[in-house]
Amino acid sequence: MSGGSFLWKDVTVPFRAGESVATALMRAGIRDLGRSGAGAGMRYFCGIGACQSCLVSLGGSVVEACLTPACDGLKVEAVEVTHG
């Protein structure tokens, strides 16, 4: 079973073939994915994209980490929320 790695906040995260970004982060012990606009902690929760609790930034787009396939060389960042 092959895989690869991607960057999370400049930390290399390995993944297995077929894993989502959220699964690889969780397996690597990374649970904190940032903060929502209301200040709540973002994390992997439902696994089906319904709760929007695992939003991350990928190439300037905001995506659900649980629905995004892990790919070699990705640069994944926390969603930066600014309060007005």
PDB file of N, CA and C in Angstrom:
ATOM      1  N   MET A   1       0.853  -1.188   0.000  1.00  0.00           N
ATOM      2  CA  MET A   1       0.000   0.000   0.000  1.00  0.00           C
ATOM      3  C   MET A   1       0.890   1.240   0.000  1.00  0.00           C
ATOM      4  N   SER A   2       0.821   2.026  -1.045  1.00  0.00           N
ATOM      5  CA  SER A   2       1.668   3.214  -1.132  1.00  0.00           C
ATOM      6  C   SER A   2       0.924   4.429  -0.596  1.00  0.00           C
ATOM      7  N   GLY A   3       1.612   5.487  -0.526  1.00  0.00           N
ATOM      8  CA  GLY A   3       1.049   6.737  -0.045  1.00  0.00           C
ATOM      9  C   GLY A   3       1.974   7.860  -0.426  1.00  0.00           C
ATOM     10  N   GLY A   4       2.179   8.765   0.481  1.00  0.00           N
ATOM     11  CA  GLY A   4       3.052   9.896   0.238  1.00  0.00           C
ATOM     12  C   GLY A   4       3.047  10.785   1.451  1.00  0.00           C
ATOM     13  N   SER A   5       3.226  12.071   1.221  1.00  0.00           N
ATOM     14  CA  SER A   5       3.188  13.027   2.326  1.00  0.00           C
ATOM     15  C   SER A   5       2.742  14.384   1.801  1.00  0.00           C
ATOM     16  N   PHE A   6       2.202  15.174   2.711  1.00  0.00           N
ATOM     17  CA  PHE A   6       1.841  16.553   2.412  1.00  0.00           C
ATOM     18  C   PHE A   6       2.302  17.418   3.569  1.00  0.00           C
ATOM     19  N   LEU A   7       2.250  18.724   3.402  1.00  0.00           N
ATOM     20  CA  LEU A   7       2.656  19.649   4.453  1.00  0.00           C
ATOM     21  C   LEU A   7       1.444  20.206   5.178  1.00  0.00           C
ATOM     22  N   TRP A   8       1.488  20.192   6.476  1.00  0.00           N
ATOM     23  CA  TRP A   8       0.492  20.839   7.333  1.00  0.00           C
ATOM     24  C   TRP A   8       1.258  21.850   8.177  1.00  0.00           C
ATOM     25  N   LYS A   9       1.051  23.119   7.937  1.00  0.00           N
ATOM     26  CA  LYS A   9       1.758  24.167   8.671  1.00  0.00           C
ATOM     27  C   LYS A   9       3.262  23.897   8.660  1.00  0.00           C
ATOM     28  N   ASP A  10       3.796  23.541   7.522  1.00  0.00           N
ATOM     29  CA  ASP A  10       5.217  23.273   7.316  1.00  0.00           C
ATOM     30  C   ASP A  10       5.728  22.023   8.037  1.00  0.00           C
ATOM     31  N   VAL A  11       4.834  21.136   8.472  1.00  0.00           N
ATOM     32  CA  VAL A  11       5.195  19.847   9.059  1.00  0.00           C
ATOM     33  C   VAL A  11       4.803  18.761   8.060  1.00  0.00           C
ATOM     34  N   THR A  12       5.716  17.851   7.774  1.00  0.00           N
ATOM     35  CA  THR A  12       5.430  16.767   6.839  1.00  0.00           C
ATOM     36  C   THR A  12       4.518  15.737   7.489  1.00  0.00           C
ATOM     37  N   VAL A  13       3.385  15.448   6.838  1.00  0.00           N
ATOM     38  CA  VAL A  13       2.417  14.472   7.327  1.00  0.00           C
ATOM     39  C   VAL A  13       2.337  13.328   6.312  1.00  0.00           C
ATOM     40  N   PRO A  14       2.682  12.113   6.738  1.00  0.00           N
ATOM     41  CA  PRO A  14       2.582  10.980   5.821  1.00  0.00           C
ATOM     42  C   PRO A  14       1.135  10.525   5.689  1.00  0.00           C
ATOM     43  N   PHE A  15       0.798   9.930   4.557  1.00  0.00           N
ATOM     44  CA  PHE A  15      -0.543   9.364   4.398  1.00  0.00           C
ATOM     45  C   PHE A  15      -0.448   8.042   3.664  1.00  0.00           C
ATOM     46  N   ARG A  16      -1.476   7.249   3.828  1.00  0.00           N
ATOM     47  CA  ARG A  16      -1.592   5.977   3.122  1.00  0.00           C
ATOM     48  C   ARG A  16      -2.503   6.172   1.916  1.00  0.00           C
ATOM     49  N   ALA A  17      -2.322   5.350   0.909  1.00  0.00           N
ATOM     50  CA  ALA A  17      -3.159   5.429  -0.285  1.00  0.00           C
ATOM     51  C   ALA A  17      -4.632   5.365   0.104  1.00  0.00           C
ATOM     52  N   GLY A  18      -5.426   6.264  -0.450  1.00  0.00           N
ATOM     53  CA  GLY A  18      -6.863   6.282  -0.206  1.00  0.00           C
ATOM     54  C   GLY A  18      -7.302   7.092   0.993  1.00  0.00           C
ATOM     55  N   GLU A  19      -6.380   7.619   1.772  1.00  0.00           N
ATOM     56  CA  GLU A  19      -6.762   8.398   2.953  1.00  0.00           C
ATOM     57  C   GLU A  19      -7.159   9.818   2.583  1.00  0.00           C
ATOM     58  N   SER A  20      -8.024  10.388   3.383  1.00  0.00           N
ATOM     59  CA  SER A  20      -8.354  11.803   3.263  1.00  0.00           C
ATOM     60  C   SER A  20      -7.309  12.611   4.029  1.00  0.00           C
ATOM     61  N   VAL A  21      -7.288  13.904   3.786  1.00  0.00           N
ATOM     62  CA  VAL A  21      -6.399  14.796   4.525  1.00  0.00           C
ATOM     63  C   VAL A  21      -6.708  14.694   6.017  1.00  0.00           C
ATOM     64  N   ALA A  22      -7.986  14.690   6.395  1.00  0.00           N
ATOM     65  CA  ALA A  22      -8.368  14.623   7.812  1.00  0.00           C
ATOM     66  C   ALA A  22      -7.897  13.331   8.466  1.00  0.00           C
ATOM     67  N   THR A  23      -8.025  12.208   7.776  1.00  0.00           N
ATOM     68  CA  THR A  23      -7.603  10.930   8.335  1.00  0.00           C
ATOM     69  C   THR A  23      -6.097  10.921   8.573  1.00  0.00           C
ATOM     70  N   ALA A  24      -5.336  11.411   7.599  1.00  0.00           N
ATOM     71  CA  ALA A  24      -3.879  11.449   7.750  1.00  0.00           C
ATOM     72  C   ALA A  24      -3.474  12.367   8.902  1.00  0.00           C
ATOM     73  N   LEU A  25      -4.134  13.525   9.023  1.00  0.00           N
ATOM     74  CA  LEU A  25      -3.830  14.432  10.127  1.00  0.00           C
ATOM     75  C   LEU A  25      -4.136  13.767  11.465  1.00  0.00           C
ATOM     76  N   MET A  26      -5.273  13.127  11.561  1.00  0.00           N
ATOM     77  CA  MET A  26      -5.655  12.473  12.806  1.00  0.00           C
ATOM     78  C   MET A  26      -4.663  11.363  13.170  1.00  0.00           C
ATOM     79  N   ARG A  27      -4.292  10.558  12.168  1.00  0.00           N
ATOM     80  CA  ARG A  27      -3.360   9.462  12.413  1.00  0.00           C
ATOM     81  C   ARG A  27      -1.999   9.996  12.854  1.00  0.00           C
ATOM     82  N   ALA A  28      -1.645  11.200  12.404  1.00  0.00           N
ATOM     83  CA  ALA A  28      -0.387  11.838  12.797  1.00  0.00           C
ATOM     84  C   ALA A  28      -0.489  12.539  14.153  1.00  0.00           C
ATOM     85  N   GLY A  29      -1.660  12.458  14.787  1.00  0.00           N
ATOM     86  CA  GLY A  29      -1.846  13.071  16.099  1.00  0.00           C
ATOM     87  C   GLY A  29      -2.202  14.541  16.055  1.00  0.00           C
ATOM     88  N   ILE A  30      -2.562  15.038  14.887  1.00  0.00           N
ATOM     89  CA  ILE A  30      -2.928  16.451  14.737  1.00  0.00           C
ATOM     90  C   ILE A  30      -4.440  16.562  14.812  1.00  0.00           C
ATOM     91  N   ARG A  31      -4.922  17.154  15.869  1.00  0.00           N
ATOM     92  CA  ARG A  31      -6.364  17.266  16.095  1.00  0.00           C
ATOM     93  C   ARG A  31      -6.885  18.697  15.919  1.00  0.00           C
ATOM     94  N   ASP A  32      -6.057  19.678  16.217  1.00  0.00           N
ATOM     95  CA  ASP A  32      -6.458  21.083  16.164  1.00  0.00           C
ATOM     96  C   ASP A  32      -6.249  21.613  14.751  1.00  0.00           C
ATOM     97  N   LEU A  33      -7.339  21.950  14.071  1.00  0.00           N
ATOM     98  CA  LEU A  33      -7.261  22.429  12.695  1.00  0.00           C
ATOM     99  C   LEU A  33      -7.458  23.934  12.566  1.00  0.00           C
ATOM    100  N   GLY A  34      -7.528  24.643  13.678  1.00  0.00           N
ATOM    101  CA  GLY A  34      -7.698  26.087  13.637  1.00  0.00           C
ATOM    102  C   GLY A  34      -8.927  26.515  14.416  1.00  0.00           C
ATOM    103  N   ARG A  35      -9.426  27.704  14.126  1.00  0.00           N
ATOM    104  CA  ARG A  35     -10.576  28.283  14.820  1.00  0.00           C
ATOM    105  C   ARG A  35     -11.607  28.775  13.821  1.00  0.00           C
ATOM    106  N   SER A  36     -12.866  28.576  14.164  1.00  0.00           N
ATOM    107  CA  SER A  36     -13.961  29.078  13.324  1.00  0.00           C
ATOM    108  C   SER A  36     -14.135  30.572  13.566  1.00  0.00           C
ATOM    109  N   GLY A  37     -14.996  31.200  12.781  1.00  0.00           N
ATOM    110  CA  GLY A  37     -15.287  32.616  12.951  1.00  0.00           C
ATOM    111  C   GLY A  37     -15.856  32.938  14.320  1.00  0.00           C
ATOM    112  N   ALA A  38     -16.498  31.957  14.965  1.00  0.00           N
ATOM    113  CA  ALA A  38     -17.055  32.146  16.304  1.00  0.00           C
ATOM    114  C   ALA A  38     -16.033  31.827  17.390  1.00  0.00           C
ATOM    115  N   GLY A  39     -14.815  31.424  16.973  1.00  0.00           N
ATOM    116  CA  GLY A  39     -13.768  31.122  17.943  1.00  0.00           C
ATOM    117  C   GLY A  39     -13.731  29.676  18.398  1.00  0.00           C
ATOM    118  N   ALA A  40     -14.630  28.841  17.871  1.00  0.00           N
ATOM    119  CA  ALA A  40     -14.654  27.426  18.245  1.00  0.00           C
ATOM    120  C   ALA A  40     -13.517  26.684  17.552  1.00  0.00           C
ATOM    121  N   GLY A  41     -13.017  25.650  18.213  1.00  0.00           N
ATOM    122  CA  GLY A  41     -11.962  24.841  17.634  1.00  0.00           C
ATOM    123  C   GLY A  41     -12.460  24.045  16.434  1.00  0.00           C
ATOM    124  N   MET A  42     -11.674  24.032  15.364  1.00  0.00           N
ATOM    125  CA  MET A  42     -11.994  23.245  14.176  1.00  0.00           C
ATOM    126  C   MET A  42     -11.306  21.894  14.339  1.00  0.00           C
ATOM    127  N   ARG A  43     -12.015  20.807  13.958  1.00  0.00           N
ATOM    128  CA  ARG A  43     -11.452  19.473  14.089  1.00  0.00           C
ATOM    129  C   ARG A  43     -12.204  18.503  13.205  1.00  0.00           C
ATOM    130  N   TYR A  44     -11.644  17.319  13.039  1.00  0.00           N
ATOM    131  CA  TYR A  44     -12.305  16.241  12.305  1.00  0.00           C
ATOM    132  C   TYR A  44     -13.427  15.721  13.180  1.00  0.00           C
ATOM    133  N   PHE A  45     -14.661  15.703  12.652  1.00  0.00           N
ATOM    134  CA  PHE A  45     -15.796  15.309  13.484  1.00  0.00           C
ATOM    135  C   PHE A  45     -16.697  14.294  12.790  1.00  0.00           C
ATOM    136  N   CYS A  46     -17.428  14.689  11.762  1.00  0.00           N
ATOM    137  CA  CYS A  46     -18.444  13.801  11.184  1.00  0.00           C
ATOM    138  C   CYS A  46     -17.899  12.866  10.105  1.00  0.00           C
ATOM    139  N   GLY A  47     -16.895  13.288   9.373  1.00  0.00           N
ATOM    140  CA  GLY A  47     -16.311  12.458   8.338  1.00  0.00           C
ATOM    141  C   GLY A  47     -17.068  12.425   7.020  1.00  0.00           C
ATOM    142  N   ILE A  48     -18.153  13.198   6.907  1.00  0.00           N
ATOM    143  CA  ILE A  48     -18.933  13.194   5.668  1.00  0.00           C
ATOM    144  C   ILE A  48     -19.155  14.603   5.105  1.00  0.00           C
ATOM    145  N   GLY A  49     -18.498  15.599   5.661  1.00  0.00           N
ATOM    146  CA  GLY A  49     -18.592  16.955   5.143  1.00  0.00           C
ATOM    147  C   GLY A  49     -19.804  17.744   5.572  1.00  0.00           C
ATOM    148  N   ALA A  50     -20.648  17.158   6.417  1.00  0.00           N
ATOM    149  CA  ALA A  50     -21.881  17.838   6.814  1.00  0.00           C
ATOM    150  C   ALA A  50     -21.670  18.909   7.881  1.00  0.00           C
ATOM    151  N   CYS A  51     -20.735  18.674   8.790  1.00  0.00           N
ATOM    152  CA  CYS A  51     -20.596  19.582   9.934  1.00  0.00           C
ATOM    153  C   CYS A  51     -19.691  20.781   9.651  1.00  0.00           C
ATOM    154  N   GLN A  52     -18.846  20.697   8.628  1.00  0.00           N
ATOM    155  CA  GLN A  52     -17.922  21.769   8.255  1.00  0.00           C
ATOM    156  C   GLN A  52     -16.923  22.101   9.372  1.00  0.00           C
ATOM    157  N   SER A  53     -16.681  21.159  10.273  1.00  0.00           N
ATOM    158  CA  SER A  53     -15.748  21.394  11.375  1.00  0.00           C
ATOM    159  C   SER A  53     -14.296  21.145  11.003  1.00  0.00           C
ATOM    160  N   CYS A  54     -14.040  20.597   9.833  1.00  0.00           N
ATOM    161  CA  CYS A  54     -12.662  20.271   9.443  1.00  0.00           C
ATOM    162  C   CYS A  54     -12.201  21.111   8.255  1.00  0.00           C
ATOM    163  N   LEU A  55     -12.703  22.323   8.155  1.00  0.00           N
ATOM    164  CA  LEU A  55     -12.311  23.183   7.040  1.00  0.00           C
ATOM    165  C   LEU A  55     -10.835  23.549   7.129  1.00  0.00           C
ATOM    166  N   VAL A  56     -10.152  23.437   5.994  1.00  0.00           N
ATOM    167  CA  VAL A  56      -8.747  23.797   5.883  1.00  0.00           C
ATOM    168  C   VAL A  56      -8.555  24.573   4.583  1.00  0.00           C
ATOM    169  N   SER A  57      -7.419  25.231   4.466  1.00  0.00           N
ATOM    170  CA  SER A  57      -7.086  25.967   3.254  1.00  0.00           C
ATOM    171  C   SER A  57      -6.142  25.129   2.415  1.00  0.00           C
ATOM    172  N   LEU A  58      -6.483  24.997   1.148  1.00  0.00           N
ATOM    173  CA  LEU A  58      -5.690  24.195   0.219  1.00  0.00           C
ATOM    174  C   LEU A  58      -5.543  24.983  -1.079  1.00  0.00           C
ATOM    175  N   GLY A  59      -4.383  25.534  -1.290  1.00  0.00           N
ATOM    176  CA  GLY A  59      -4.149  26.317  -2.509  1.00  0.00           C
ATOM    177  C   GLY A  59      -5.039  27.534  -2.624  1.00  0.00           C
ATOM    178  N   GLY A  60      -5.382  28.145  -1.500  1.00  0.00           N
ATOM    179  CA  GLY A  60      -6.227  29.331  -1.508  1.00  0.00           C
ATOM    180  C   GLY A  60      -7.713  29.055  -1.458  1.00  0.00           C
ATOM    181  N   SER A  61      -8.112  27.776  -1.541  1.00  0.00           N
ATOM    182  CA  SER A  61      -9.520  27.400  -1.443  1.00  0.00           C
ATOM    183  C   SER A  61      -9.785  26.758  -0.088  1.00  0.00           C
ATOM    184  N   VAL A  62     -10.965  26.983   0.440  1.00  0.00           N
ATOM    185  CA  VAL A  62     -11.364  26.354   1.693  1.00  0.00           C
ATOM    186  C   VAL A  62     -12.118  25.069   1.356  1.00  0.00           C
ATOM    187  N   VAL A  63     -11.654  23.948   1.928  1.00  0.00           N
ATOM    188  CA  VAL A  63     -12.229  22.633   1.639  1.00  0.00           C
ATOM    189  C   VAL A  63     -12.433  21.864   2.933  1.00  0.00           C
ATOM    190  N   GLU A  64     -13.289  20.849   2.867  1.00  0.00           N
ATOM    191  CA  GLU A  64     -13.455  19.943   4.003  1.00  0.00           C
ATOM    192  C   GLU A  64     -12.329  18.924   3.955  1.00  0.00           C
ATOM    193  N   ALA A  65     -11.537  18.846   5.012  1.00  0.00           N
ATOM    194  CA  ALA A  65     -10.405  17.917   5.054  1.00  0.00           C
ATOM    195  C   ALA A  65     -10.873  16.470   4.990  1.00  0.00           C
ATOM    196  N   CYS A  66     -12.076  16.184   5.495  1.00  0.00           N
ATOM    197  CA  CYS A  66     -12.572  14.797   5.505  1.00  0.00           C
ATOM    198  C   CYS A  66     -12.984  14.314   4.114  1.00  0.00           C
ATOM    199  N   LEU A  67     -13.238  15.241   3.191  1.00  0.00           N
ATOM    200  CA  LEU A  67     -13.648  14.874   1.839  1.00  0.00           C
ATOM    201  C   LEU A  67     -12.525  15.032   0.817  1.00  0.00           C
ATOM    202  N   THR A  68     -11.410  15.582   1.240  1.00  0.00           N
ATOM    203  CA  THR A  68     -10.311  15.875   0.324  1.00  0.00           C
ATOM    204  C   THR A  68      -9.288  14.744   0.350  1.00  0.00           C
ATOM    205  N   PRO A  69      -9.076  14.087  -0.789  1.00  0.00           N
ATOM    206  CA  PRO A  69      -8.084  13.017  -0.826  1.00  0.00           C
ATOM    207  C   PRO A  69      -6.679  13.565  -0.573  1.00  0.00           C
ATOM    208  N   ALA A  70      -5.928  12.872   0.242  1.00  0.00           N
ATOM    209  CA  ALA A  70      -4.535  13.255   0.471  1.00  0.00           C
ATOM    210  C   ALA A  70      -3.737  12.979  -0.801  1.00  0.00           C
ATOM    211  N   CYS A  71      -2.938  13.937  -1.206  1.00  0.00           N
ATOM    212  CA  CYS A  71      -2.105  13.809  -2.402  1.00  0.00           C
ATOM    213  C   CYS A  71      -0.694  14.256  -2.059  1.00  0.00           C
ATOM    214  N   ASP A  72       0.258  13.586  -2.663  1.00  0.00           N
ATOM    215  CA  ASP A  72       1.653  13.893  -2.425  1.00  0.00           C
ATOM    216  C   ASP A  72       1.948  15.341  -2.807  1.00  0.00           C
ATOM    217  N   GLY A  73       2.615  16.063  -1.902  1.00  0.00           N
ATOM    218  CA  GLY A  73       3.050  17.417  -2.187  1.00  0.00           C
ATOM    219  C   GLY A  73       2.063  18.522  -1.867  1.00  0.00           C
ATOM    220  N   LEU A  74       0.855  18.196  -1.387  1.00  0.00           N
ATOM    221  CA  LEU A  74      -0.106  19.237  -1.028  1.00  0.00           C
ATOM    222  C   LEU A  74       0.462  20.122   0.073  1.00  0.00           C
ATOM    223  N   LYS A  75       0.027  21.374   0.114  1.00  0.00           N
ATOM    224  CA  LYS A  75       0.331  22.276   1.215  1.00  0.00           C
ATOM    225  C   LYS A  75      -1.003  22.665   1.839  1.00  0.00           C
ATOM    226  N   VAL A  76      -1.255  22.127   3.016  1.00  0.00           N
ATOM    227  CA  VAL A  76      -2.527  22.325   3.707  1.00  0.00           C
ATOM    228  C   VAL A  76      -2.286  23.266   4.886  1.00  0.00           C
ATOM    229  N   GLU A  77      -3.151  24.256   5.025  1.00  0.00           N
ATOM    230  CA  GLU A  77      -3.011  25.257   6.106  1.00  0.00           C
ATOM    231  C   GLU A  77      -4.327  25.374   6.864  1.00  0.00           C
ATOM    232  N   ALA A  78      -4.222  25.876   8.082  1.00  0.00           N
ATOM    233  CA  ALA A  78      -5.411  26.180   8.873  1.00  0.00           C
ATOM    234  C   ALA A  78      -6.151  27.332   8.210  1.00  0.00           C
ATOM    235  N   VAL A  79      -7.454  27.358   8.352  1.00  0.00           N
ATOM    236  CA  VAL A  79      -8.243  28.481   7.859  1.00  0.00           C
ATOM    237  C   VAL A  79      -7.984  29.650   8.791  1.00  0.00           C
ATOM    238  N   GLU A  80      -7.528  30.741   8.230  1.00  0.00           N
ATOM    239  CA  GLU A  80      -7.247  31.922   9.027  1.00  0.00           C
ATOM    240  C   GLU A  80      -8.496  32.788   9.123  1.00  0.00           C
ATOM    241  N   VAL A  81      -9.017  32.925  10.319  1.00  0.00           N
ATOM    242  CA  VAL A  81     -10.223  33.712  10.535  1.00  0.00           C
ATOM    243  C   VAL A  81      -9.825  35.043  11.178  1.00  0.00           C
ATOM    244  N   THR A  82     -10.231  36.116  10.550  1.00  0.00           N
ATOM    245  CA  THR A  82      -9.961  37.429  11.129  1.00  0.00           C
ATOM    246  C   THR A  82     -11.274  38.015  11.613  1.00  0.00           C
ATOM    247  N   HIS A  83     -11.220  38.649  12.747  1.00  0.00           N
ATOM    248  CA  HIS A  83     -12.402  39.276  13.315  1.00  0.00           C
ATOM    249  C   HIS A  83     -12.330  40.775  13.035  1.00  0.00           C
ATOM    250  N   GLY A  84     -13.419  41.268  12.414  1.00  0.00           N
ATOM    251  CA  GLY A  84     -13.490  42.580  11.895  1.00  0.00           C
ATOM    252  C   GLY A  84     -13.285  43.720  12.738  1.00  0.00           C
TER     253      GLY A  84
END
